[in-house]
């Protein structure tokens, strides 16, 4: 399946997205976005191709699902999207329930909340739910899988499980694991700028230099189409790290706790509307600039590990 260009869409969000709270005199400074113009949730709805899509919010990663679920229900309601369900899947057995599989198959949008990304793999790994969701992503245009924070990070095949910011760029500061496998071409990190996660994404890319590192700022996301085109959405910025041209690299051989030595990592900073081609590793200022690009690329090679 990884050799086929997916027809569906991924939307990975860095966290703390403006969910649509109306500004008032007391909150105007906090909610500075015009949500209905810039809001990421609005873009999620738009990409489904429907005015009132069936949306299923999966709160599995969160340890406070009773709070997270109603936030999303209320936020989508502000966009006149009332056909929203909450899947609070707490165990692998829950993930195998026929009810949840049927609801996923009937949804236009699947939205994974934030929390602990490892929980998503633990609950959904080796389930029909995950297999069928991936099948839909590859075969159905306008099927949208979105995730915020942990839900975004879990999209990767090689997923960041965690990492120490103070120990950044010391071998072992980043903890890697297996994600949901929706995005084999990239490694995603969230809350990227405010939490200073440059070091752990650099180490991740050094370990898997054939992958593209995507660092998502707060209230910022990327729309990924054809498993390749990365468009920045939201109010902040996205960092792209490309390790294809790395030369000297001791990430695999270094002992734990020692300083990493990496030559020639390429970085791009993407603002709203910028686009990045992961296969060709090219930056475009806008989608309009893509009109002059070469023919549609073949799929991204997912065989990306370094021994």
C-alpha atoms as a PDB file:
ATOM      1  CA  UNK A   1       0.000   0.000   0.000  1.00  0.00           C
ATOM      2  CA  UNK A   2       2.913   2.338   0.627  1.00  0.00           C
ATOM      3  CA  UNK A   3       3.683   2.268  -3.123  1.00  0.00           C
ATOM      4  CA  UNK A   4       0.281   3.812  -3.877  1.00  0.00           C
ATOM      5  CA  UNK A   5      -0.401   7.537  -3.724  1.00  0.00           C
ATOM      6  CA  UNK A   6      -3.076   8.123  -1.041  1.00  0.00           C
ATOM      7  CA  UNK A   7      -6.236   9.884  -2.174  1.00  0.00           C
ATOM      8  CA  UNK A   8      -7.212  11.024   1.316  1.00  0.00           C
ATOM      9  CA  UNK A   9      -5.851  13.921   3.345  1.00  0.00           C
ATOM     10  CA  UNK A  10      -3.894  14.278   6.582  1.00  0.00           C
ATOM     11  CA  UNK A  11      -4.066  17.390   8.757  1.00  0.00           C
ATOM     12  CA  UNK A  12      -1.467  17.481  11.533  1.00  0.00           C
ATOM     13  CA  UNK A  13      -1.831  20.286  14.107  1.00  0.00           C
ATOM     14  CA  UNK A  14       0.857  21.483  16.516  1.00  0.00           C
ATOM     15  CA  UNK A  15      -1.440  21.944  19.500  1.00  0.00           C
ATOM     16  CA  UNK A  16      -3.182  24.845  21.250  1.00  0.00           C
ATOM     17  CA  UNK A  17      -5.252  25.465  18.141  1.00  0.00           C
ATOM     18  CA  UNK A  18      -7.823  28.252  18.339  1.00  0.00           C
ATOM     19  CA  UNK A  19     -10.998  26.192  18.456  1.00  0.00           C
ATOM     20  CA  UNK A  20     -13.301  29.108  17.763  1.00  0.00           C
ATOM     21  CA  UNK A  21     -13.940  30.950  21.000  1.00  0.00           C
ATOM     22  CA  UNK A  22     -15.561  34.262  20.255  1.00  0.00           C
ATOM     23  CA  UNK A  23     -13.479  37.216  21.419  1.00  0.00           C
ATOM     24  CA  UNK A  24     -15.004  39.623  23.918  1.00  0.00           C
ATOM     25  CA  UNK A  25     -13.545  42.650  25.744  1.00  0.00           C
ATOM     26  CA  UNK A  26     -11.987  40.460  28.431  1.00  0.00           C
ATOM     27  CA  UNK A  27     -10.465  37.845  26.113  1.00  0.00           C
ATOM     28  CA  UNK A  28      -9.622  39.877  23.030  1.00  0.00           C
ATOM     29  CA  UNK A  29      -5.866  39.738  23.689  1.00  0.00           C
ATOM     30  CA  UNK A  30      -5.897  35.975  24.111  1.00  0.00           C
ATOM     31  CA  UNK A  31      -8.057  35.115  21.129  1.00  0.00           C
ATOM     32  CA  UNK A  32      -6.414  37.255  18.516  1.00  0.00           C
ATOM     33  CA  UNK A  33      -7.379  35.084  15.537  1.00  0.00           C
ATOM     34  CA  UNK A  34     -10.433  35.580  13.399  1.00  0.00           C
ATOM     35  CA  UNK A  35     -11.271  31.921  13.728  1.00  0.00           C
ATOM     36  CA  UNK A  36     -13.658  31.802  10.812  1.00  0.00           C
ATOM     37  CA  UNK A  37     -10.941  33.114   8.516  1.00  0.00           C
ATOM     38  CA  UNK A  38      -7.849  31.403   9.905  1.00  0.00           C
ATOM     39  CA  UNK A  39      -9.174  28.559  12.046  1.00  0.00           C
ATOM     40  CA  UNK A  40      -7.695  25.140  11.509  1.00  0.00           C
ATOM     41  CA  UNK A  41     -10.916  23.382  12.407  1.00  0.00           C
ATOM     42  CA  UNK A  42     -12.671  25.275   9.650  1.00  0.00           C
ATOM     43  CA  UNK A  43     -10.048  24.007   7.214  1.00  0.00           C
ATOM     44  CA  UNK A  44     -10.615  20.448   8.418  1.00  0.00           C
ATOM     45  CA  UNK A  45     -14.306  20.797   7.627  1.00  0.00           C
ATOM     46  CA  UNK A  46     -13.580  22.427   4.278  1.00  0.00           C
ATOM     47  CA  UNK A  47     -11.275  19.612   3.180  1.00  0.00           C
ATOM     48  CA  UNK A  48     -14.017  17.050   3.789  1.00  0.00           C
ATOM     49  CA  UNK A  49     -15.978  18.588   0.927  1.00  0.00           C
ATOM     50  CA  UNK A  50     -19.176  18.718   2.986  1.00  0.00           C
ATOM     51  CA  UNK A  51     -20.926  21.509   4.850  1.00  0.00           C
ATOM     52  CA  UNK A  52     -21.858  19.254   7.766  1.00  0.00           C
ATOM     53  CA  UNK A  53     -19.559  16.212   7.639  1.00  0.00           C
ATOM     54  CA  UNK A  54     -19.773  13.302  10.001  1.00  0.00           C
ATOM     55  CA  UNK A  55     -16.871  13.890  12.414  1.00  0.00           C
ATOM     56  CA  UNK A  56     -15.582  11.383  14.956  1.00  0.00           C
ATOM     57  CA  UNK A  57     -13.230  12.761  17.623  1.00  0.00           C
ATOM     58  CA  UNK A  58     -10.993  10.111  19.210  1.00  0.00           C
ATOM     59  CA  UNK A  59      -9.915  11.127  22.724  1.00  0.00           C
ATOM     60  CA  UNK A  60      -7.834   8.013  23.413  1.00  0.00           C
ATOM     61  CA  UNK A  61      -4.540   9.880  23.840  1.00  0.00           C
ATOM     62  CA  UNK A  62      -5.993  12.197  26.485  1.00  0.00           C
ATOM     63  CA  UNK A  63      -6.179  11.452  30.187  1.00  0.00           C
ATOM     64  CA  UNK A  64      -9.042  13.958  30.561  1.00  0.00           C
ATOM     65  CA  UNK A  65     -11.398  12.802  27.787  1.00  0.00           C
ATOM     66  CA  UNK A  66     -14.453  14.065  29.653  1.00  0.00           C
ATOM     67  CA  UNK A  67     -13.097  17.605  29.211  1.00  0.00           C
ATOM     68  CA  UNK A  68     -11.556  17.283  25.755  1.00  0.00           C
ATOM     69  CA  UNK A  69     -14.565  15.771  24.011  1.00  0.00           C
ATOM     70  CA  UNK A  70     -17.026  18.582  24.779  1.00  0.00           C
ATOM     71  CA  UNK A  71     -14.449  21.205  23.728  1.00  0.00           C
ATOM     72  CA  UNK A  72     -14.328  19.760  20.235  1.00  0.00           C
ATOM     73  CA  UNK A  73     -18.063  19.192  20.073  1.00  0.00           C
ATOM     74  CA  UNK A  74     -18.678  22.830  20.978  1.00  0.00           C
ATOM     75  CA  UNK A  75     -15.973  24.108  18.655  1.00  0.00           C
ATOM     76  CA  UNK A  76     -17.287  22.265  15.619  1.00  0.00           C
ATOM     77  CA  UNK A  77     -20.795  23.409  16.537  1.00  0.00           C
ATOM     78  CA  UNK A  78     -19.619  26.996  16.060  1.00  0.00           C
ATOM     79  CA  UNK A  79     -18.963  26.019  12.444  1.00  0.00           C
ATOM     80  CA  UNK A  80     -22.507  24.636  12.193  1.00  0.00           C
ATOM     81  CA  UNK A  81     -21.142  21.090  12.301  1.00  0.00           C
ATOM     82  CA  UNK A  82     -23.512  19.216  14.565  1.00  0.00           C
ATOM     83  CA  UNK A  83     -22.891  15.666  13.348  1.00  0.00           C
ATOM     84  CA  UNK A  84     -20.001  15.032  15.753  1.00  0.00           C
ATOM     85  CA  UNK A  85     -19.336  11.942  17.834  1.00  0.00           C
ATOM     86  CA  UNK A  86     -16.775  11.202  20.561  1.00  0.00           C
ATOM     87  CA  UNK A  87     -14.913   7.896  20.653  1.00  0.00           C
ATOM     88  CA  UNK A  88     -13.399   7.477  24.109  1.00  0.00           C
ATOM     89  CA  UNK A  89     -11.494   4.266  23.414  1.00  0.00           C
ATOM     90  CA  UNK A  90      -9.588   3.348  26.555  1.00  0.00           C
ATOM     91  CA  UNK A  91      -8.363  -0.216  25.903  1.00  0.00           C
ATOM     92  CA  UNK A  92      -7.293  -2.371  22.943  1.00  0.00           C
ATOM     93  CA  UNK A  93     -10.492  -4.327  23.506  1.00  0.00           C
ATOM     94  CA  UNK A  94     -12.512  -1.132  23.035  1.00  0.00           C
ATOM     95  CA  UNK A  95     -10.707  -0.501  19.743  1.00  0.00           C
ATOM     96  CA  UNK A  96     -11.890  -3.901  18.502  1.00  0.00           C
ATOM     97  CA  UNK A  97     -15.562  -3.258  19.210  1.00  0.00           C
ATOM     98  CA  UNK A  98     -17.700  -3.482  16.033  1.00  0.00           C
ATOM     99  CA  UNK A  99     -19.516  -0.262  17.004  1.00  0.00           C
ATOM    100  CA  UNK A 100     -16.366   1.830  16.761  1.00  0.00           C
ATOM    101  CA  UNK A 101     -15.318   0.229  13.489  1.00  0.00           C
ATOM    102  CA  UNK A 102     -18.726   0.976  11.972  1.00  0.00           C
ATOM    103  CA  UNK A 103     -18.594   4.581  13.158  1.00  0.00           C
ATOM    104  CA  UNK A 104     -15.141   5.056  11.698  1.00  0.00           C
ATOM    105  CA  UNK A 105     -16.247   3.618   8.370  1.00  0.00           C
ATOM    106  CA  UNK A 106     -19.213   6.027   8.285  1.00  0.00           C
ATOM    107  CA  UNK A 107     -17.172   9.141   9.178  1.00  0.00           C
ATOM    108  CA  UNK A 108     -15.983  11.832   6.795  1.00  0.00           C
ATOM    109  CA  UNK A 109     -13.423  13.141   9.305  1.00  0.00           C
ATOM    110  CA  UNK A 110     -11.452  11.350  12.022  1.00  0.00           C
ATOM    111  CA  UNK A 111      -9.891  13.697  14.585  1.00  0.00           C
ATOM    112  CA  UNK A 112      -7.320  12.454  17.131  1.00  0.00           C
ATOM    113  CA  UNK A 113      -6.967  14.670  20.208  1.00  0.00           C
ATOM    114  CA  UNK A 114      -3.759  15.452  22.080  1.00  0.00           C
ATOM    115  CA  UNK A 115      -2.318  13.600  25.049  1.00  0.00           C
ATOM    116  CA  UNK A 116       0.140  10.699  24.934  1.00  0.00           C
ATOM    117  CA  UNK A 117       0.959   9.523  21.410  1.00  0.00           C
ATOM    118  CA  UNK A 118       2.178   6.121  22.598  1.00  0.00           C
ATOM    119  CA  UNK A 119      -1.335   5.342  23.818  1.00  0.00           C
ATOM    120  CA  UNK A 120      -2.642   5.597  20.276  1.00  0.00           C
ATOM    121  CA  UNK A 121      -0.321   2.887  19.041  1.00  0.00           C
ATOM    122  CA  UNK A 122      -0.998   0.763  22.120  1.00  0.00           C
ATOM    123  CA  UNK A 123      -4.760   0.942  21.629  1.00  0.00           C
ATOM    124  CA  UNK A 124      -5.008   0.738  17.828  1.00  0.00           C
ATOM    125  CA  UNK A 125      -1.948  -1.261  16.765  1.00  0.00           C
ATOM    126  CA  UNK A 126      -2.800  -4.519  14.946  1.00  0.00           C
ATOM    127  CA  UNK A 127      -6.550  -3.758  14.851  1.00  0.00           C
ATOM    128  CA  UNK A 128      -9.071  -3.815  12.019  1.00  0.00           C
ATOM    129  CA  UNK A 129      -9.888  -0.239  13.034  1.00  0.00           C
ATOM    130  CA  UNK A 130      -6.428   0.976  12.067  1.00  0.00           C
ATOM    131  CA  UNK A 131      -6.160  -1.248   8.988  1.00  0.00           C
ATOM    132  CA  UNK A 132      -9.518  -0.116   7.599  1.00  0.00           C
ATOM    133  CA  UNK A 133      -8.824   3.521   8.406  1.00  0.00           C
ATOM    134  CA  UNK A 134      -5.553   3.327   6.454  1.00  0.00           C
ATOM    135  CA  UNK A 135      -7.391   1.644   3.568  1.00  0.00           C
ATOM    136  CA  UNK A 136      -9.880   4.496   3.486  1.00  0.00           C
ATOM    137  CA  UNK A 137      -7.060   7.054   3.580  1.00  0.00           C
ATOM    138  CA  UNK A 138      -5.436   5.506   0.515  1.00  0.00           C
ATOM    139  CA  UNK A 139      -8.611   4.903  -1.470  1.00  0.00           C
ATOM    140  CA  UNK A 140     -11.144   7.663  -0.693  1.00  0.00           C
ATOM    141  CA  UNK A 141     -10.810  11.282  -1.880  1.00  0.00           C
ATOM    142  CA  UNK A 142     -11.814  13.845   0.774  1.00  0.00           C
ATOM    143  CA  UNK A 143     -11.492  11.362   3.639  1.00  0.00           C
ATOM    144  CA  UNK A 144      -9.732  13.455   6.291  1.00  0.00           C
ATOM    145  CA  UNK A 145      -7.645  12.168   9.189  1.00  0.00           C
ATOM    146  CA  UNK A 146      -6.664  15.000  11.531  1.00  0.00           C
ATOM    147  CA  UNK A 147      -4.682  15.019  14.733  1.00  0.00           C
ATOM    148  CA  UNK A 148      -3.516  17.627  17.183  1.00  0.00           C
ATOM    149  CA  UNK A 149      -0.312  17.408  19.272  1.00  0.00           C
ATOM    150  CA  UNK A 150       0.010  13.714  20.154  1.00  0.00           C
ATOM    151  CA  UNK A 151      -2.574  12.924  17.499  1.00  0.00           C
ATOM    152  CA  UNK A 152      -0.328  14.599  14.922  1.00  0.00           C
ATOM    153  CA  UNK A 153       2.875  12.929  16.102  1.00  0.00           C
ATOM    154  CA  UNK A 154       1.271   9.480  15.985  1.00  0.00           C
ATOM    155  CA  UNK A 155       0.676   9.793  12.228  1.00  0.00           C
ATOM    156  CA  UNK A 156       4.347   8.973  11.562  1.00  0.00           C
ATOM    157  CA  UNK A 157       5.591   5.434  11.010  1.00  0.00           C
ATOM    158  CA  UNK A 158       8.726   6.244  13.029  1.00  0.00           C
ATOM    159  CA  UNK A 159       7.209   8.241  15.882  1.00  0.00           C
ATOM    160  CA  UNK A 160       8.773  10.426  18.554  1.00  0.00           C
ATOM    161  CA  UNK A 161       7.614   8.972  21.880  1.00  0.00           C
ATOM    162  CA  UNK A 162       9.302  11.643  23.978  1.00  0.00           C
ATOM    163  CA  UNK A 163      12.583  13.342  24.653  1.00  0.00           C
ATOM    164  CA  UNK A 164      14.488  15.596  27.005  1.00  0.00           C
ATOM    165  CA  UNK A 165      14.835  19.208  25.852  1.00  0.00           C
ATOM    166  CA  UNK A 166      17.696  19.987  28.311  1.00  0.00           C
ATOM    167  CA  UNK A 167      19.637  17.025  26.863  1.00  0.00           C
ATOM    168  CA  UNK A 168      18.961  18.014  23.262  1.00  0.00           C
ATOM    169  CA  UNK A 169      21.577  16.794  20.784  1.00  0.00           C
ATOM    170  CA  UNK A 170      23.022  14.298  23.234  1.00  0.00           C
ATOM    171  CA  UNK A 171      22.592  10.756  21.937  1.00  0.00           C
ATOM    172  CA  UNK A 172      19.443   9.203  23.336  1.00  0.00           C
ATOM    173  CA  UNK A 173      17.670  12.464  24.216  1.00  0.00           C
ATOM    174  CA  UNK A 174      14.899  11.509  21.805  1.00  0.00           C
ATOM    175  CA  UNK A 175      12.841   8.359  22.342  1.00  0.00           C
ATOM    176  CA  UNK A 176      11.536   6.744  19.168  1.00  0.00           C
ATOM    177  CA  UNK A 177       8.785   4.203  18.651  1.00  0.00           C
ATOM    178  CA  UNK A 178       6.264   2.954  16.122  1.00  0.00           C
ATOM    179  CA  UNK A 179       3.323   5.183  15.210  1.00  0.00           C
ATOM    180  CA  UNK A 180       0.120   4.591  13.275  1.00  0.00           C
ATOM    181  CA  UNK A 181       1.906   4.447   9.920  1.00  0.00           C
ATOM    182  CA  UNK A 182      -0.215   7.028   8.113  1.00  0.00           C
ATOM    183  CA  UNK A 183       2.814   9.123   7.188  1.00  0.00           C
ATOM    184  CA  UNK A 184       5.796   6.897   6.317  1.00  0.00           C
ATOM    185  CA  UNK A 185       7.716   9.752   4.671  1.00  0.00           C
ATOM    186  CA  UNK A 186       8.063  12.028   7.714  1.00  0.00           C
ATOM    187  CA  UNK A 187       8.572  12.376  11.451  1.00  0.00           C
ATOM    188  CA  UNK A 188       6.231  14.873  13.118  1.00  0.00           C
ATOM    189  CA  UNK A 189       6.881  16.863  16.305  1.00  0.00           C
ATOM    190  CA  UNK A 190       4.455  19.298  17.958  1.00  0.00           C
ATOM    191  CA  UNK A 191       4.519  22.363  20.255  1.00  0.00           C
ATOM    192  CA  UNK A 192       7.756  22.830  18.400  1.00  0.00           C
ATOM    193  CA  UNK A 193       8.821  26.426  18.916  1.00  0.00           C
ATOM    194  CA  UNK A 194       7.598  27.255  22.426  1.00  0.00           C
ATOM    195  CA  UNK A 195       8.908  24.011  23.904  1.00  0.00           C
ATOM    196  CA  UNK A 196      12.237  24.204  22.087  1.00  0.00           C
ATOM    197  CA  UNK A 197      12.113  20.827  20.412  1.00  0.00           C
ATOM    198  CA  UNK A 198      14.606  21.520  17.623  1.00  0.00           C
ATOM    199  CA  UNK A 199      17.211  19.201  19.130  1.00  0.00           C
ATOM    200  CA  UNK A 200      15.064  16.105  19.318  1.00  0.00           C
ATOM    201  CA  UNK A 201      13.780  16.517  15.768  1.00  0.00           C
ATOM    202  CA  UNK A 202      17.353  16.979  14.524  1.00  0.00           C
ATOM    203  CA  UNK A 203      18.357  13.750  16.270  1.00  0.00           C
ATOM    204  CA  UNK A 204      15.311  11.983  14.803  1.00  0.00           C
ATOM    205  CA  UNK A 205      16.249  13.082  11.282  1.00  0.00           C
ATOM    206  CA  UNK A 206      19.866  12.067  11.869  1.00  0.00           C
ATOM    207  CA  UNK A 207      18.664   8.592  12.832  1.00  0.00           C
ATOM    208  CA  UNK A 208      16.332   8.399   9.809  1.00  0.00           C
ATOM    209  CA  UNK A 209      17.900  10.720   7.217  1.00  0.00           C
ATOM    210  CA  UNK A 210      15.608   9.584   4.392  1.00  0.00           C
ATOM    211  CA  UNK A 211      12.639  11.001   6.294  1.00  0.00           C
ATOM    212  CA  UNK A 212      11.513  14.628   6.449  1.00  0.00           C
ATOM    213  CA  UNK A 213      11.221  16.198   9.907  1.00  0.00           C
ATOM    214  CA  UNK A 214       8.118  18.354  10.380  1.00  0.00           C
ATOM    215  CA  UNK A 215       8.066  20.604  13.469  1.00  0.00           C
ATOM    216  CA  UNK A 216       4.657  22.155  14.112  1.00  0.00           C
ATOM    217  CA  UNK A 217       4.260  25.442  15.974  1.00  0.00           C
ATOM    218  CA  UNK A 218       1.265  26.131  18.212  1.00  0.00           C
ATOM    219  CA  UNK A 219      -2.037  26.922  16.450  1.00  0.00           C
ATOM    220  CA  UNK A 220      -0.377  25.792  13.244  1.00  0.00           C
ATOM    221  CA  UNK A 221      -0.751  22.681  11.155  1.00  0.00           C
ATOM    222  CA  UNK A 222      -0.030  21.113   7.823  1.00  0.00           C
ATOM    223  CA  UNK A 223      -2.378  19.751   5.211  1.00  0.00           C
ATOM    224  CA  UNK A 224      -0.700  16.770   3.545  1.00  0.00           C
ATOM    225  CA  UNK A 225      -2.082  15.609   0.205  1.00  0.00           C
ATOM    226  CA  UNK A 226      -0.964  12.690  -1.965  1.00  0.00           C
ATOM    227  CA  UNK A 227       1.226  11.696   0.976  1.00  0.00           C
ATOM    228  CA  UNK A 228       3.695  14.295  -0.252  1.00  0.00           C
ATOM    229  CA  UNK A 229       2.572  17.938  -0.504  1.00  0.00           C
ATOM    230  CA  UNK A 230       2.834  19.770   2.821  1.00  0.00           C
ATOM    231  CA  UNK A 231       0.849  23.028   3.032  1.00  0.00           C
ATOM    232  CA  UNK A 232       1.091  25.199   6.137  1.00  0.00           C
ATOM    233  CA  UNK A 233      -2.207  26.281   7.709  1.00  0.00           C
ATOM    234  CA  UNK A 234      -2.858  28.328  10.840  1.00  0.00           C
ATOM    235  CA  UNK A 235      -1.264  31.351  12.444  1.00  0.00           C
ATOM    236  CA  UNK A 236       2.310  30.348  13.289  1.00  0.00           C
ATOM    237  CA  UNK A 237       5.127  28.510  11.515  1.00  0.00           C
ATOM    238  CA  UNK A 238       6.307  25.056  10.521  1.00  0.00           C
ATOM    239  CA  UNK A 239       9.932  23.903  10.503  1.00  0.00           C
ATOM    240  CA  UNK A 240      11.066  21.400   7.875  1.00  0.00           C
ATOM    241  CA  UNK A 241      14.293  19.465   8.512  1.00  0.00           C
ATOM    242  CA  UNK A 242      15.781  17.531   5.594  1.00  0.00           C
ATOM    243  CA  UNK A 243      18.586  15.059   6.224  1.00  0.00           C
ATOM    244  CA  UNK A 244      19.035  13.743   2.678  1.00  0.00           C
ATOM    245  CA  UNK A 245      22.287  15.685   2.234  1.00  0.00           C
ATOM    246  CA  UNK A 246      23.791  14.790   5.608  1.00  0.00           C
ATOM    247  CA  UNK A 247      27.419  13.772   5.265  1.00  0.00           C
ATOM    248  CA  UNK A 248      29.216  13.229   8.564  1.00  0.00           C
ATOM    249  CA  UNK A 249      26.713  11.725  11.035  1.00  0.00           C
ATOM    250  CA  UNK A 250      27.539   9.897  14.278  1.00  0.00           C
ATOM    251  CA  UNK A 251      23.907   9.482  15.435  1.00  0.00           C
ATOM    252  CA  UNK A 252      23.839   5.721  14.935  1.00  0.00           C
ATOM    253  CA  UNK A 253      27.298   4.979  16.387  1.00  0.00           C
ATOM    254  CA  UNK A 254      27.527   7.477  19.273  1.00  0.00           C
ATOM    255  CA  UNK A 255      27.222   6.228  22.842  1.00  0.00           C
ATOM    256  CA  UNK A 256      24.231   7.294  24.876  1.00  0.00           C
ATOM    257  CA  UNK A 257      24.713  10.719  26.431  1.00  0.00           C
ATOM    258  CA  UNK A 258      27.526  11.807  24.121  1.00  0.00           C
ATOM    259  CA  UNK A 259      27.329  14.832  21.845  1.00  0.00           C
ATOM    260  CA  UNK A 260      25.965  14.320  18.350  1.00  0.00           C
ATOM    261  CA  UNK A 261      27.989  15.432  15.328  1.00  0.00           C
ATOM    262  CA  UNK A 262      25.901  16.007  12.188  1.00  0.00           C
ATOM    263  CA  UNK A 263      26.939  17.772   8.997  1.00  0.00           C
ATOM    264  CA  UNK A 264      24.623  19.517   6.543  1.00  0.00           C
ATOM    265  CA  UNK A 265      21.065  19.299   7.848  1.00  0.00           C
ATOM    266  CA  UNK A 266      18.844  21.512   5.684  1.00  0.00           C
ATOM    267  CA  UNK A 267      16.135  23.618   7.365  1.00  0.00           C
ATOM    268  CA  UNK A 268      13.153  25.477   5.902  1.00  0.00           C
ATOM    269  CA  UNK A 269      10.710  27.781   7.718  1.00  0.00           C
ATOM    270  CA  UNK A 270       7.166  27.667   6.346  1.00  0.00           C
ATOM    271  CA  UNK A 271       4.506  30.288   7.071  1.00  0.00           C
ATOM    272  CA  UNK A 272       0.801  30.103   6.240  1.00  0.00           C
ATOM    273  CA  UNK A 273       0.282  29.137   2.608  1.00  0.00           C
ATOM    274  CA  UNK A 274       3.813  27.884   1.939  1.00  0.00           C
ATOM    275  CA  UNK A 275       4.095  24.403   0.452  1.00  0.00           C
ATOM    276  CA  UNK A 276       6.838  21.773   0.667  1.00  0.00           C
ATOM    277  CA  UNK A 277       7.355  18.834  -1.692  1.00  0.00           C
ATOM    278  CA  UNK A 278       8.712  15.980   0.434  1.00  0.00           C
ATOM    279  CA  UNK A 279       9.763  13.782  -2.466  1.00  0.00           C
ATOM    280  CA  UNK A 280      11.637  16.423  -4.428  1.00  0.00           C
ATOM    281  CA  UNK A 281      12.517  18.329  -1.230  1.00  0.00           C
ATOM    282  CA  UNK A 282      11.507  21.673  -2.681  1.00  0.00           C
ATOM    283  CA  UNK A 283       9.954  24.768  -1.094  1.00  0.00           C
ATOM    284  CA  UNK A 284       7.156  26.716  -2.804  1.00  0.00           C
ATOM    285  CA  UNK A 285       5.912  30.096  -1.620  1.00  0.00           C
ATOM    286  CA  UNK A 286       2.300  29.193  -2.467  1.00  0.00           C
ATOM    287  CA  UNK A 287       0.069  26.659  -4.174  1.00  0.00           C
ATOM    288  CA  UNK A 288       0.012  28.945  -7.192  1.00  0.00           C
ATOM    289  CA  UNK A 289       3.737  28.334  -7.599  1.00  0.00           C
ATOM    290  CA  UNK A 290       3.025  24.624  -7.984  1.00  0.00           C
ATOM    291  CA  UNK A 291       1.498  25.299 -11.387  1.00  0.00           C
ATOM    292  CA  UNK A 292       5.024  25.489 -12.791  1.00  0.00           C
ATOM    293  CA  UNK A 293       6.274  22.321 -11.103  1.00  0.00           C
ATOM    294  CA  UNK A 294       7.296  19.109 -12.823  1.00  0.00           C
ATOM    295  CA  UNK A 295       4.749  16.293 -13.416  1.00  0.00           C
ATOM    296  CA  UNK A 296       3.091  14.676 -10.384  1.00  0.00           C
ATOM    297  CA  UNK A 297       5.756  12.678  -8.518  1.00  0.00           C
ATOM    298  CA  UNK A 298       5.786   8.996  -7.861  1.00  0.00           C
ATOM    299  CA  UNK A 299       5.103   7.998  -4.237  1.00  0.00           C
ATOM    300  CA  UNK A 300       7.568   8.715  -1.440  1.00  0.00           C
ATOM    301  CA  UNK A 301       9.873   5.807  -0.642  1.00  0.00           C
ATOM    302  CA  UNK A 302       8.954   4.579   2.844  1.00  0.00           C
ATOM    303  CA  UNK A 303      12.027   2.374   3.358  1.00  0.00           C
ATOM    304  CA  UNK A 304      13.735   4.924   5.534  1.00  0.00           C
ATOM    305  CA  UNK A 305      15.530   3.307   8.438  1.00  0.00           C
ATOM    306  CA  UNK A 306      19.262   3.514   9.043  1.00  0.00           C
ATOM    307  CA  UNK A 307      20.989   0.471  10.424  1.00  0.00           C
END
